[in-house]
């Protein structure tokens, strides 16, 4: 029998909905070839108090991607599943390919004198096919020095307290060339069909702007650090202060519609990250008991230092601007909810914010004092880039019992929710969440959330981002807990060389945060509902070794 098409119908109305006919057989093939080669040569030499190490190397990477697609429609029946069995009057095909290459020469020298004065130098010369020949190659050097203070004669008296102490410093550059495959070349886009003579005609045309002058993005890092071991190894400490400047950032800045193409990639930005990273540990051993604690904390400030004389660039709920962190939150400042018409009448006019204003709507602050709420009343609302990150790892063992605990958290970070994770109310297929049980109504004026909306957007955090929806996304999370017990060795187990351990593990079992309780504070900005939520896991297991 001949099957011409597949028509689906709405189960509620009986009306036709999705049409997938006539029947189709499609075949597609994609292939990625990644060829890498690396060669290393190392030479080590020691004489007297001097130690040398030399390393030279070469690496090459070539990546090629090929894609081919073909299909035919209108088969005699559904038993036919080969392309050749379909009619040639309803066939389609497409294909494309892309390739890029990276080549590098690199070298390193290490030198130490009496194991206490340390020196390392590195250099690499990288070439990328993503840049025009004139800018294809770039050199990235780095160097580091170290001084083991604990090996000096004057430190001998302190070794009973501090057994190892090292001061170190480093400076280095690295490059980035991950900007697509052909950013400096004029390329043609397919599938840009147009109407000519009353018929649809296949079309190709340039789609992306071109800049043949782009060059490597570079990151320069300066670091000074201290490593210490105290109390015969019971206490360890590492501290670093660093400044990391990324310049000539490869990005696309907004262009006017008259340009007619997508914005080209240019070297147009600089970002600075600077901060302190600290790690400390305590290790205790006594007979059948052992106890270890390792903690780390980082304070990092992120700031855009240049946009090539342009900007700032608002983009929905975020903004890129000099002096601000990357992807800073941006929007209106909330002053609570309107409670009455009189409250609305005495406030700055905000009817242009997405719908007629009514009691229960969010009240926005008139920042520039012109008595009108509009785009000029937006401001920086916080950073999605955490300035504070920390972790704590504790492990203990007593005879046959053992336990491990890991805590992790961030601080000084903001985020918000929007869309379906907040609860869609736009159509009959909407899925409102339980938060709307505490929405504003005349009988619930102290509600946590504004009145519900359907087509209006003045309260919508996606269309009208504001501080009303922004909350602290700082959190402390109990990432992992494990408690185990190793069974005593019986005669049978001992003869067989078998050890048996049973354990319970809990993963992501507790989170302390002021963020929305039903949303993972680590979720993407805006609370993307397509992100799989954090899952609490409890498991019991057995380790058998022999």
Protein backbone atom coordinates (compact mmCIF):
# COMPACT_ATOMS: atom_id res chain seq x y z
CA UNK A 1 0.00 0.00 0.00
CA UNK A 2 1.16 3.55 -0.70
CA UNK A 3 1.62 5.83 2.29
CA UNK A 4 1.60 9.43 1.15
CA UNK A 5 2.01 11.33 4.40
CA UNK A 6 1.90 11.31 8.19
CA UNK A 7 -0.59 13.79 9.65
CA UNK A 8 -0.89 14.44 13.42
CA UNK A 9 -3.93 15.97 15.10
CA UNK A 10 -4.50 18.00 18.26
CA UNK A 11 -6.06 15.56 20.80
CA UNK A 12 -8.15 18.36 22.33
CA UNK A 13 -9.63 20.00 19.25
CA UNK A 14 -9.20 17.34 16.57
CA UNK A 15 -7.63 19.95 14.28
CA UNK A 16 -4.59 19.02 12.12
CA UNK A 17 -1.29 19.95 13.79
CA UNK A 18 2.10 18.52 12.74
CA UNK A 19 2.48 17.17 9.21
CA UNK A 20 5.47 14.94 8.47
CA UNK A 21 4.63 13.58 5.07
CA UNK A 22 5.16 12.30 2.55
CA UNK A 23 7.33 9.54 3.96
CA UNK A 24 11.06 10.13 3.77
CA UNK A 25 14.37 8.28 3.93
CA UNK A 26 17.35 10.39 4.92
CA UNK A 27 21.01 9.55 5.30
CA UNK A 28 23.73 11.74 6.70
CA UNK A 29 27.41 11.17 7.35
CA UNK A 30 29.77 13.33 9.34
CA UNK A 31 33.46 12.68 9.79
CA UNK A 32 36.06 14.49 11.85
CA UNK A 33 39.75 13.79 11.30
CA UNK A 34 42.10 15.14 13.95
CA UNK A 35 45.75 14.49 13.17
CA UNK A 36 48.27 15.43 15.84
CA UNK A 37 52.02 15.08 15.98
CA UNK A 38 54.45 15.91 18.76
CA UNK A 39 58.21 15.56 19.06
CA UNK A 40 60.24 16.20 22.24
CA UNK A 41 63.96 16.32 22.97
CA UNK A 42 65.24 16.62 26.53
CA UNK A 43 68.74 16.99 27.96
CA UNK A 44 69.65 16.91 31.68
CA UNK A 45 73.04 17.69 33.20
CA UNK A 46 74.25 18.05 36.78
CA UNK A 47 77.69 19.02 38.00
CA UNK A 48 78.58 20.14 41.50
CA UNK A 49 75.85 22.39 42.88
CA UNK A 50 74.39 23.07 39.44
CA UNK A 51 71.48 21.28 37.76
CA UNK A 52 70.39 21.98 34.19
CA UNK A 53 67.47 20.68 32.14
CA UNK A 54 66.73 21.60 28.53
CA UNK A 55 63.58 20.71 26.60
CA UNK A 56 62.74 21.43 23.00
CA UNK A 57 59.66 20.42 21.11
CA UNK A 58 57.45 20.67 18.05
CA UNK A 59 53.73 19.98 17.73
CA UNK A 60 51.23 20.07 14.90
CA UNK A 61 47.48 19.67 14.77
CA UNK A 62 45.29 19.42 11.69
CA UNK A 63 41.53 19.11 12.01
CA UNK A 64 39.10 18.49 9.14
CA UNK A 65 35.33 18.07 9.27
CA UNK A 66 33.16 16.73 6.43
CA UNK A 67 29.37 16.45 6.31
CA UNK A 68 27.15 14.91 3.62
CA UNK A 69 23.35 14.57 3.61
CA UNK A 70 20.86 13.07 1.17
CA UNK A 71 17.12 12.29 1.26
CA UNK A 72 14.18 11.27 -0.93
CA UNK A 73 10.43 11.52 -0.31
CA UNK A 74 7.30 9.74 -1.55
CA UNK A 75 8.34 6.08 -1.26
CA UNK A 76 5.97 3.37 -2.49
CA UNK A 77 5.67 1.98 1.04
CA UNK A 78 7.42 2.11 4.39
CA UNK A 79 9.31 -1.15 3.80
CA UNK A 80 11.68 0.61 1.41
CA UNK A 81 14.58 2.12 3.33
CA UNK A 82 17.30 2.83 0.75
CA UNK A 83 17.84 6.14 -1.03
CA UNK A 84 17.92 4.54 -4.49
CA UNK A 85 14.40 3.13 -3.95
CA UNK A 86 12.84 6.59 -3.77
CA UNK A 87 11.69 8.84 -6.61
CA UNK A 88 14.27 11.27 -8.03
CA UNK A 89 11.58 13.95 -8.29
CA UNK A 90 11.69 14.60 -4.53
CA UNK A 91 15.31 14.40 -3.53
CA UNK A 92 17.50 16.72 -1.46
CA UNK A 93 21.20 16.79 -0.74
CA UNK A 94 23.64 19.01 1.09
CA UNK A 95 27.18 18.97 2.34
CA UNK A 96 29.92 21.11 3.81
CA UNK A 97 33.40 20.88 5.23
CA UNK A 98 35.81 22.90 7.35
CA UNK A 99 39.42 22.57 8.41
CA UNK A 100 42.00 24.37 10.52
CA UNK A 101 45.58 23.79 11.60
CA UNK A 102 47.87 24.75 14.49
CA UNK A 103 51.66 24.51 14.52
CA UNK A 104 53.96 25.21 17.48
CA UNK A 105 57.63 25.31 18.38
CA UNK A 106 58.49 25.45 22.07
CA UNK A 107 61.36 25.21 24.50
CA UNK A 108 62.11 25.21 28.22
CA UNK A 109 65.19 25.61 30.40
CA UNK A 110 65.43 24.78 34.10
CA UNK A 111 68.33 25.68 36.36
CA UNK A 112 68.91 25.24 40.09
CA UNK A 113 71.85 26.10 42.30
CA UNK A 114 72.24 24.09 45.51
CA UNK A 115 68.56 23.11 45.18
CA UNK A 116 67.57 26.46 46.66
CA UNK A 117 67.82 28.99 43.82
CA UNK A 118 65.45 27.94 41.04
CA UNK A 119 64.98 29.38 37.56
CA UNK A 120 62.75 28.35 34.67
CA UNK A 121 62.26 29.95 31.27
CA UNK A 122 59.79 28.99 28.54
CA UNK A 123 59.12 30.19 25.04
CA UNK A 124 56.70 29.05 22.36
CA UNK A 125 56.02 30.20 18.82
CA UNK A 126 52.47 29.36 17.72
CA UNK A 127 50.97 29.58 14.25
CA UNK A 128 47.26 29.27 13.49
CA UNK A 129 45.39 28.98 10.20
CA UNK A 130 42.62 31.11 11.73
CA UNK A 131 44.67 34.26 11.08
CA UNK A 132 45.94 35.86 7.88
CA UNK A 133 49.57 35.04 6.97
CA UNK A 134 50.84 38.40 8.23
CA UNK A 135 49.42 37.75 11.73
CA UNK A 136 49.52 33.97 11.80
CA UNK A 137 52.47 33.55 14.17
CA UNK A 138 52.97 34.90 17.69
CA UNK A 139 55.62 34.35 20.38
CA UNK A 140 54.61 33.72 24.01
CA UNK A 141 57.41 33.69 26.62
CA UNK A 142 57.26 32.97 30.35
CA UNK A 143 59.68 32.81 33.27
CA UNK A 144 59.63 31.87 36.94
CA UNK A 145 62.05 32.07 39.85
CA UNK A 146 62.06 30.36 43.22
CA UNK A 147 64.02 30.75 46.44
CA UNK A 148 63.99 27.96 49.03
CA UNK A 149 64.57 30.15 52.05
CA UNK A 150 64.55 27.13 54.34
CA UNK A 151 67.85 25.94 52.79
CA UNK A 152 69.73 29.07 53.84
CA UNK A 153 72.13 28.79 56.81
CA UNK A 154 70.40 31.64 58.68
CA UNK A 155 67.14 29.65 58.64
CA UNK A 156 68.55 26.56 60.34
CA UNK A 157 67.30 27.53 63.81
CA UNK A 158 63.72 27.85 62.54
CA UNK A 159 63.56 24.45 60.84
CA UNK A 160 62.09 22.80 63.93
CA UNK A 161 59.00 24.96 63.29
CA UNK A 162 59.12 25.61 59.53
CA UNK A 163 60.74 22.67 57.76
CA UNK A 164 60.28 24.04 54.22
CA UNK A 165 59.73 27.60 53.02
CA UNK A 166 59.83 28.73 49.40
CA UNK A 167 59.22 32.14 47.84
CA UNK A 168 58.43 32.19 44.13
CA UNK A 169 57.41 34.54 41.37
CA UNK A 170 56.41 34.15 37.75
CA UNK A 171 55.50 36.06 34.63
CA UNK A 172 54.12 34.58 31.45
CA UNK A 173 52.05 34.97 28.30
CA UNK A 174 49.65 32.60 26.57
CA UNK A 175 47.61 33.02 23.40
CA UNK A 176 44.06 32.24 22.30
CA UNK A 177 42.90 31.56 18.74
CA UNK A 178 39.52 29.85 19.28
CA UNK A 179 37.35 32.13 17.15
CA UNK A 180 35.80 29.90 14.52
CA UNK A 181 37.49 28.48 11.48
CA UNK A 182 37.59 31.26 8.87
CA UNK A 183 37.23 34.59 10.70
CA UNK A 184 39.66 36.54 8.49
CA UNK A 185 38.40 35.22 5.14
CA UNK A 186 35.38 36.22 3.09
CA UNK A 187 33.06 33.22 3.04
CA UNK A 188 29.76 32.49 1.30
CA UNK A 189 26.67 31.31 3.16
CA UNK A 190 24.20 28.95 1.47
CA UNK A 191 20.46 28.53 1.91
CA UNK A 192 19.73 32.24 1.37
CA UNK A 193 16.87 31.65 -1.03
CA UNK A 194 14.99 34.49 -2.71
CA UNK A 195 12.03 35.04 -5.02
CA UNK A 196 12.72 35.76 -8.70
CA UNK A 197 10.17 35.70 -11.47
CA UNK A 198 7.53 34.40 -9.09
CA UNK A 199 9.62 31.38 -8.11
CA UNK A 200 11.88 30.55 -5.18
CA UNK A 201 15.48 30.44 -6.30
CA UNK A 202 18.49 29.04 -4.43
CA UNK A 203 20.80 31.80 -3.27
CA UNK A 204 24.24 32.24 -1.81
CA UNK A 205 25.74 35.42 -0.40
CA UNK A 206 28.28 36.81 2.06
CA UNK A 207 26.84 36.80 5.57
CA UNK A 208 29.70 37.63 7.95
CA UNK A 209 31.87 40.70 8.05
CA UNK A 210 35.59 40.15 7.47
CA UNK A 211 38.62 41.56 9.24
CA UNK A 212 41.94 40.32 7.89
CA UNK A 213 43.87 42.28 10.53
CA UNK A 214 42.86 40.18 13.55
CA UNK A 215 45.71 38.66 15.55
CA UNK A 216 46.26 36.40 18.55
CA UNK A 217 44.50 37.26 21.78
CA UNK A 218 47.04 37.21 24.62
CA UNK A 219 46.88 36.74 28.38
CA UNK A 220 49.71 37.96 30.61
CA UNK A 221 49.90 36.67 34.17
CA UNK A 222 52.05 37.94 37.04
CA UNK A 223 52.16 35.87 40.20
CA UNK A 224 53.99 35.89 43.51
CA UNK A 225 53.59 33.00 45.91
CA UNK A 226 54.73 31.41 49.14
CA UNK A 227 54.85 27.70 50.04
CA UNK A 228 55.43 26.52 53.61
CA UNK A 229 55.52 23.27 55.57
CA UNK A 230 55.33 23.60 59.36
CA UNK A 231 55.42 21.39 62.44
CA UNK A 232 57.19 18.48 60.76
CA UNK A 233 54.65 18.26 57.96
CA UNK A 234 51.52 18.60 60.08
CA UNK A 235 50.66 22.01 58.60
CA UNK A 236 51.00 23.06 54.95
CA UNK A 237 50.30 26.46 53.41
CA UNK A 238 50.31 27.92 49.90
CA UNK A 239 49.47 31.51 49.05
CA UNK A 240 49.40 33.33 45.70
CA UNK A 241 48.68 36.87 44.59
CA UNK A 242 48.16 37.24 40.86
CA UNK A 243 47.21 39.76 38.20
CA UNK A 244 45.99 38.34 34.89
CA UNK A 245 45.48 40.76 31.99
CA UNK A 246 43.85 39.53 28.79
CA UNK A 247 44.30 41.94 25.88
CA UNK A 248 43.36 42.07 22.20
CA UNK A 249 40.31 39.97 23.05
CA UNK A 250 38.73 38.48 19.95
CA UNK A 251 35.07 39.49 19.88
CA UNK A 252 32.34 40.99 17.74
CA UNK A 253 31.12 44.44 18.74
CA UNK A 254 27.65 45.64 17.68
CA UNK A 255 27.39 47.33 14.28
CA UNK A 256 24.64 49.39 12.67
CA UNK A 257 21.99 47.75 10.48
CA UNK A 258 23.36 49.65 7.48
CA UNK A 259 26.48 47.44 7.62
CA UNK A 260 24.35 44.64 6.16
CA UNK A 261 26.44 41.76 7.52
CA UNK A 262 27.10 40.14 10.85
CA UNK A 263 29.70 42.03 12.85
CA UNK A 264 33.27 40.92 12.08
CA UNK A 265 35.65 39.57 14.69
CA UNK A 266 38.10 42.22 15.93
CA UNK A 267 40.71 42.65 18.66
CA UNK A 268 38.73 45.06 20.78
CA UNK A 269 38.75 44.27 24.47
CA UNK A 270 40.83 43.92 27.60
CA UNK A 271 39.90 42.18 30.85
CA UNK A 272 41.72 42.00 34.17
CA UNK A 273 41.42 39.31 36.81
CA UNK A 274 43.35 39.83 40.00
CA UNK A 275 43.14 38.25 43.38
CA UNK A 276 44.47 36.02 46.10
CA UNK A 277 44.38 32.24 46.32
CA UNK A 278 45.11 30.53 49.64
CA UNK A 279 45.37 26.84 50.55
CA UNK A 280 46.07 25.35 53.96
CA UNK A 281 46.17 21.84 55.34
CA UNK A 282 46.47 20.06 58.66
CA UNK A 283 47.56 16.42 58.93
CA UNK A 284 47.52 14.40 62.15
CA UNK A 285 48.59 10.79 62.75
CA UNK A 286 48.56 8.87 66.05
CA UNK A 287 48.34 5.09 66.32
CA UNK A 288 45.01 3.97 64.81
CA UNK A 289 43.75 7.49 64.25
CA UNK A 290 44.41 9.86 61.31
CA UNK A 291 42.84 13.21 60.53
CA UNK A 292 43.33 15.50 57.52
CA UNK A 293 41.85 18.91 56.76
CA UNK A 294 42.49 20.83 53.52
CA UNK A 295 40.92 24.20 52.84
CA UNK A 296 41.14 26.65 49.95
CA UNK A 297 39.77 30.13 49.37
CA UNK A 298 40.04 32.56 46.44
CA UNK A 299 39.25 36.25 46.22
CA UNK A 300 39.12 37.31 42.57
CA UNK A 301 38.04 40.60 41.04
CA UNK A 302 37.01 40.58 37.38
CA UNK A 303 36.89 43.84 35.41
CA UNK A 304 36.64 44.95 31.80
CA UNK A 305 39.45 47.47 31.30
CA UNK A 306 38.93 48.35 27.62
CA UNK A 307 36.42 48.05 24.80
CA UNK A 308 38.53 49.88 22.21
CA UNK A 309 36.90 53.22 23.03
CA UNK A 310 33.37 51.90 22.53
CA UNK A 311 30.53 50.75 24.77
CA UNK A 312 28.91 50.19 27.08
CA UNK A 313 26.82 47.51 25.38
CA UNK A 314 23.56 46.51 27.08
CA UNK A 315 22.20 43.15 25.97
CA UNK A 316 18.92 42.24 27.62
CA UNK A 317 19.63 41.49 31.28
CA UNK A 318 23.41 41.99 31.01
CA UNK A 319 25.86 44.72 30.06
CA UNK A 320 29.46 44.90 28.93
CA UNK A 321 31.15 48.09 30.06
CA UNK A 322 34.55 49.38 31.10
CA UNK A 323 34.97 49.14 34.86
CA UNK A 324 32.35 46.39 35.22
CA UNK A 325 32.72 42.60 35.48
CA UNK A 326 32.06 40.54 32.36
CA UNK A 327 28.33 39.94 31.77
CA UNK A 328 27.25 42.22 34.61
CA UNK A 329 23.57 42.17 35.50
CA UNK A 330 21.74 45.22 34.19
CA UNK A 331 18.22 46.52 34.56
CA UNK A 332 15.77 48.63 36.49
CA UNK A 333 15.79 49.17 40.25
CA UNK A 334 12.70 47.91 42.06
CA UNK A 335 11.03 49.93 44.80
CA UNK A 336 8.51 47.23 45.66
CA UNK A 337 4.97 46.76 44.32
CA UNK A 338 2.26 49.29 43.57
CA UNK A 339 -0.51 48.85 46.15
CA UNK A 340 -3.18 51.18 44.74
CA UNK A 341 -4.09 53.50 41.87
CA UNK A 342 -3.15 56.45 44.06
CA UNK A 343 0.30 54.91 44.48
CA UNK A 344 0.60 54.70 40.68
CA UNK A 345 -0.64 58.27 40.08
CA UNK A 346 1.98 59.87 42.32
CA UNK A 347 4.85 57.83 40.85
CA UNK A 348 6.87 58.51 37.68
CA UNK A 349 5.00 57.36 34.55
CA UNK A 350 5.90 53.81 33.52
CA UNK A 351 3.16 52.91 31.05
CA UNK A 352 5.82 52.34 28.39
CA UNK A 353 7.28 49.37 30.25
CA UNK A 354 5.27 46.63 28.56
CA UNK A 355 1.62 47.17 29.40
CA UNK A 356 -0.88 49.23 31.39
CA UNK A 357 0.27 49.65 34.98
CA UNK A 358 -1.97 48.39 37.75
CA UNK A 359 -1.82 47.61 41.46
CA UNK A 360 0.45 44.63 42.05
CA UNK A 361 2.95 45.64 39.34
CA UNK A 362 6.61 46.26 40.13
CA UNK A 363 7.43 49.87 40.92
CA UNK A 364 10.63 51.03 39.18
CA UNK A 365 12.89 53.79 40.47
CA UNK A 366 13.23 57.00 38.45
CA UNK A 367 17.03 57.20 38.52
CA UNK A 368 17.47 60.27 36.30
CA UNK A 369 14.56 62.22 37.81
CA UNK A 370 12.74 62.98 34.53
CA UNK A 371 9.44 61.58 35.89
CA UNK A 372 9.40 58.87 33.20
CA UNK A 373 10.51 55.27 33.60
CA UNK A 374 12.37 54.16 30.46
CA UNK A 375 15.66 52.64 29.33
CA UNK A 376 17.60 55.55 30.79
CA UNK A 377 16.70 54.36 34.30
CA UNK A 378 18.68 51.12 34.13
CA UNK A 379 21.86 50.47 36.07
CA UNK A 380 24.38 47.84 37.15
CA UNK A 381 22.67 45.28 39.40
CA UNK A 382 25.49 42.94 40.38
CA UNK A 383 27.89 40.37 39.02
CA UNK A 384 27.37 36.75 38.01
CA UNK A 385 31.13 36.30 38.43
CA UNK A 386 31.75 35.21 42.06
CA UNK A 387 34.44 37.18 43.85
CA UNK A 388 34.75 34.53 46.56
CA UNK A 389 35.13 30.76 46.11
CA UNK A 390 36.08 28.30 48.80
CA UNK A 391 36.21 24.62 49.67
CA UNK A 392 36.84 22.37 52.65
CA UNK A 393 37.87 18.72 52.54
CA UNK A 394 37.95 16.67 55.76
CA UNK A 395 38.93 13.02 56.05
CA UNK A 396 39.38 10.85 59.13
CA UNK A 397 40.12 7.22 59.92
CA UNK A 398 39.92 5.29 63.18
CA UNK A 399 40.73 1.61 63.08
CA UNK A 400 38.21 0.08 60.65
CA UNK A 401 36.08 3.25 60.25
CA UNK A 402 36.73 6.01 57.73
CA UNK A 403 34.90 9.16 56.71
CA UNK A 404 35.27 11.90 54.07
CA UNK A 405 33.42 15.23 53.84
CA UNK A 406 33.68 17.88 51.12
CA UNK A 407 32.10 21.36 51.33
CA UNK A 408 32.18 23.89 48.50
CA UNK A 409 30.76 27.38 48.09
CA UNK A 410 30.88 30.81 46.48
CA UNK A 411 30.15 34.30 47.72
CA UNK A 412 29.49 37.83 46.48
CA UNK A 413 27.60 36.70 43.38
CA UNK A 414 24.16 37.59 42.00
CA UNK A 415 21.73 35.87 39.63
CA UNK A 416 18.03 35.85 38.74
CA UNK A 417 15.34 33.57 37.33
CA UNK A 418 13.05 33.91 34.32
CA UNK A 419 11.02 31.95 31.80
CA UNK A 420 9.67 28.49 32.49
CA UNK A 421 11.74 27.93 35.62
CA UNK A 422 9.74 30.81 37.12
CA UNK A 423 6.50 29.52 35.61
CA UNK A 424 5.13 30.32 32.18
CA UNK A 425 1.70 32.00 32.08
CA UNK A 426 1.63 32.97 28.42
CA UNK A 427 -0.70 30.39 26.89
CA UNK A 428 -2.87 27.35 27.52
CA UNK A 429 0.24 25.19 27.64
CA UNK A 430 1.78 27.30 30.42
CA UNK A 431 3.16 25.63 33.51
CA UNK A 432 2.94 28.06 36.46
CA UNK A 433 4.93 27.11 39.53
CA UNK A 434 3.69 27.20 43.12
CA UNK A 435 5.31 30.59 43.75
CA UNK A 436 2.24 32.19 42.19
CA UNK A 437 0.21 31.06 45.17
CA UNK A 438 1.89 34.03 46.86
CA UNK A 439 1.14 36.52 44.08
CA UNK A 440 -0.23 40.01 44.68
CA UNK A 441 -4.00 40.29 44.89
CA UNK A 442 -6.17 42.89 46.62
CA UNK A 443 -6.60 40.40 49.46
CA UNK A 444 -2.87 39.57 49.57
CA UNK A 445 -1.11 42.97 49.36
CA UNK A 446 1.98 41.71 51.21
CA UNK A 447 2.75 39.04 48.60
CA UNK A 448 6.30 38.19 47.66
CA UNK A 449 5.55 38.25 43.93
CA UNK A 450 3.71 40.67 41.62
CA UNK A 451 0.32 40.11 40.07
CA UNK A 452 0.23 37.49 37.35
CA UNK A 453 0.58 38.56 33.73
CA UNK A 454 -0.29 37.04 30.41
CA UNK A 455 0.58 39.22 27.44
CA UNK A 456 1.93 42.22 29.35
CA UNK A 457 5.63 42.24 30.17
CA UNK A 458 6.20 45.02 32.72
CA UNK A 459 6.82 42.44 35.47
CA UNK A 460 8.55 39.83 33.30
CA UNK A 461 12.21 39.35 34.37
CA UNK A 462 13.09 38.25 30.84
CA UNK A 463 11.59 41.25 29.02
CA UNK A 464 12.01 43.80 31.83
CA UNK A 465 14.97 42.71 34.00
CA UNK A 466 15.07 44.40 37.38
CA UNK A 467 16.51 44.13 40.87
CA UNK A 468 13.16 42.67 42.00
CA UNK A 469 14.21 39.30 40.60
CA UNK A 470 17.94 39.55 41.32
CA UNK A 471 19.07 37.74 44.45
CA UNK A 472 22.29 36.63 46.05
CA UNK A 473 23.41 33.35 44.47
CA UNK A 474 26.01 32.73 47.18
CA UNK A 475 25.82 29.23 48.59
CA UNK A 476 27.49 26.58 50.70
CA UNK A 477 26.99 23.03 49.43
CA UNK A 478 27.76 19.71 51.04
CA UNK A 479 29.05 18.15 47.84
CA UNK A 480 30.08 14.78 49.12
CA UNK A 481 30.00 12.66 52.27
CA UNK A 482 31.23 9.12 52.62
CA UNK A 483 31.33 6.84 55.65
CA UNK A 484 32.91 3.41 55.42
CA UNK A 485 33.72 0.38 57.50
CA UNK A 486 36.28 -2.30 56.67
CA UNK A 487 35.25 -5.71 57.95
CA UNK A 488 37.71 -7.52 60.22
CA UNK A 489 39.88 -10.02 58.43
CA UNK A 490 38.65 -13.59 59.00
CA UNK A 491 40.73 -16.70 58.44
CA UNK A 492 39.06 -17.27 55.09
CA UNK A 493 39.45 -13.66 53.93
CA UNK A 494 43.05 -13.57 55.08
CA UNK A 495 43.97 -16.76 53.22
CA UNK A 496 42.25 -15.50 50.08
CA UNK A 497 43.90 -12.05 50.40
CA UNK A 498 40.50 -10.36 50.36
CA UNK A 499 39.52 -7.05 51.96
CA UNK A 500 35.85 -6.14 52.26
CA UNK A 501 34.63 -2.59 52.88
CA UNK A 502 31.04 -1.33 52.98
CA UNK A 503 30.20 2.36 52.62
CA UNK A 504 27.47 4.97 52.28
CA UNK A 505 27.90 7.97 50.01
CA UNK A 506 25.77 11.11 49.86
CA UNK A 507 26.21 13.57 47.00
CA UNK A 508 24.85 17.14 46.96
CA UNK A 509 22.71 16.40 49.98
CA UNK A 510 22.61 19.91 51.51
CA UNK A 511 22.68 23.42 50.06
CA UNK A 512 22.49 26.63 52.09
CA UNK A 513 21.58 29.68 50.00
CA UNK A 514 19.39 32.79 49.89
CA UNK A 515 18.64 32.17 46.21
CA UNK A 516 15.28 30.81 45.03
CA UNK A 517 14.86 27.53 46.89
CA UNK A 518 13.68 25.52 43.88
CA UNK A 519 16.53 26.72 41.63
CA UNK A 520 20.12 25.56 41.70
CA UNK A 521 22.26 28.67 42.45
CA UNK A 522 24.85 27.27 40.01
CA UNK A 523 22.30 27.26 37.16
CA UNK A 524 23.06 29.46 34.12
CA UNK A 525 22.18 33.12 34.38
CA UNK A 526 18.41 33.51 34.31
CA UNK A 527 17.77 29.98 35.56
CA UNK A 528 17.70 28.14 32.24
CA UNK A 529 14.92 25.54 32.53
CA UNK A 530 16.66 23.27 30.01
CA UNK A 531 19.54 22.71 32.42
CA UNK A 532 19.31 19.45 34.30
CA UNK A 533 18.90 20.27 38.00
CA UNK A 534 21.32 19.22 40.71
CA UNK A 535 20.33 15.78 41.99
CA UNK A 536 20.73 14.48 45.52
CA UNK A 537 22.22 10.99 45.44
CA UNK A 538 22.42 8.47 48.29
CA UNK A 539 24.16 5.19 47.60
CA UNK A 540 25.39 2.15 49.47
CA UNK A 541 28.23 0.08 48.09
CA UNK A 542 30.86 -2.55 48.68
CA UNK A 543 34.57 -2.43 47.87
CA UNK A 544 36.14 -5.83 47.36
CA UNK A 545 39.90 -6.00 46.88
CA UNK A 546 42.00 -9.13 46.44
